[in-house]
Amino acid sequence: MQNDSRNTKLLLWANRAIRWGFGILFITIGILNNDESRLYALIFGVAFIITGFFRPRRCLEENCPID
């Protein structure tokens, strides 16, 4: 992450913010919901938050060779 350009860092943080936002949304829906789908919404929200910490493994720069 030290060699990333400013645009790449901005893209990574935007990706994380979107994932964390969806995670919080699904967790909130799971907390407010009172039927059997509550557990699924909570698990889905936690999965979104956890995957927000991972770095995407795709081309983020314009000069990325694709095999």
Protein backbone atom coordinates (compact mmCIF):
# COMPACT_ATOMS: atom_id res chain seq x y z
CA MET A 1 0.00 0.00 0.00
CA GLN A 2 3.05 2.26 0.21
CA ASN A 3 3.50 2.38 -3.56
CA ASP A 4 -0.14 3.17 -4.36
CA SER A 5 -0.99 6.41 -6.08
CA ARG A 6 -3.40 8.90 -4.57
CA ASN A 7 -6.21 7.78 -6.92
CA THR A 8 -5.70 4.14 -5.98
CA LYS A 9 -5.83 4.93 -2.27
CA LEU A 10 -9.00 6.93 -2.81
CA LEU A 11 -10.56 4.03 -4.71
CA LEU A 12 -9.59 1.58 -1.96
CA TRP A 13 -11.13 3.76 0.75
CA ALA A 14 -14.29 4.27 -1.30
CA ASN A 15 -14.58 0.49 -1.72
CA ARG A 16 -14.16 0.01 2.03
CA ALA A 17 -16.66 2.74 2.90
CA ILE A 18 -19.28 1.21 0.60
CA ARG A 19 -18.75 -2.29 2.05
CA TRP A 20 -18.84 -1.02 5.64
CA GLY A 21 -21.96 1.01 4.86
CA PHE A 22 -23.77 -2.02 3.45
CA GLY A 23 -22.59 -4.07 6.42
CA ILE A 24 -24.02 -1.55 8.87
CA LEU A 25 -27.25 -1.41 6.85
CA PHE A 26 -27.74 -5.20 6.92
CA ILE A 27 -26.84 -5.44 10.61
CA THR A 28 -29.38 -2.71 11.38
CA ILE A 29 -32.02 -4.53 9.35
CA GLY A 30 -31.16 -7.73 11.21
CA ILE A 31 -31.47 -6.06 14.60
CA LEU A 32 -34.79 -4.40 13.77
CA ASN A 33 -36.29 -7.48 12.13
CA ASN A 34 -38.06 -10.02 14.33
CA ASP A 35 -38.61 -13.03 12.08
CA GLU A 36 -36.43 -15.98 11.10
CA SER A 37 -34.51 -14.02 8.43
CA ARG A 38 -32.88 -11.94 11.18
CA LEU A 39 -29.89 -14.26 11.49
CA TYR A 40 -29.21 -14.21 7.75
CA ALA A 41 -29.19 -10.41 7.64
CA LEU A 42 -26.78 -10.27 10.58
CA ILE A 43 -24.41 -12.81 9.04
CA PHE A 44 -24.54 -11.02 5.68
CA GLY A 45 -23.79 -7.68 7.35
CA VAL A 46 -20.86 -9.09 9.30
CA ALA A 47 -19.49 -10.65 6.11
CA PHE A 48 -19.65 -7.27 4.37
CA ILE A 49 -17.77 -5.59 7.21
CA ILE A 50 -15.08 -8.29 7.35
CA THR A 51 -14.49 -8.24 3.59
CA GLY A 52 -14.13 -4.46 3.76
CA PHE A 53 -10.75 -4.99 5.43
CA PHE A 54 -9.38 -7.07 2.54
CA ARG A 55 -7.58 -5.45 -0.37
CA PRO A 56 -9.25 -6.15 -3.75
CA ARG A 57 -7.17 -8.37 -6.04
CA ARG A 58 -7.83 -6.71 -9.35
CA CYS A 59 -6.21 -4.06 -11.50
CA LEU A 60 -6.46 -0.67 -9.87
CA GLU A 61 -3.97 1.16 -12.05
CA GLU A 62 -4.29 1.87 -15.77
CA ASN A 63 -1.07 0.02 -16.73
CA CYS A 64 -1.95 -3.37 -15.30
CA PRO A 65 -1.12 -6.46 -17.37
CA ILE A 66 -3.95 -8.98 -17.55
CA ASP A 67 -2.95 -12.60 -18.16
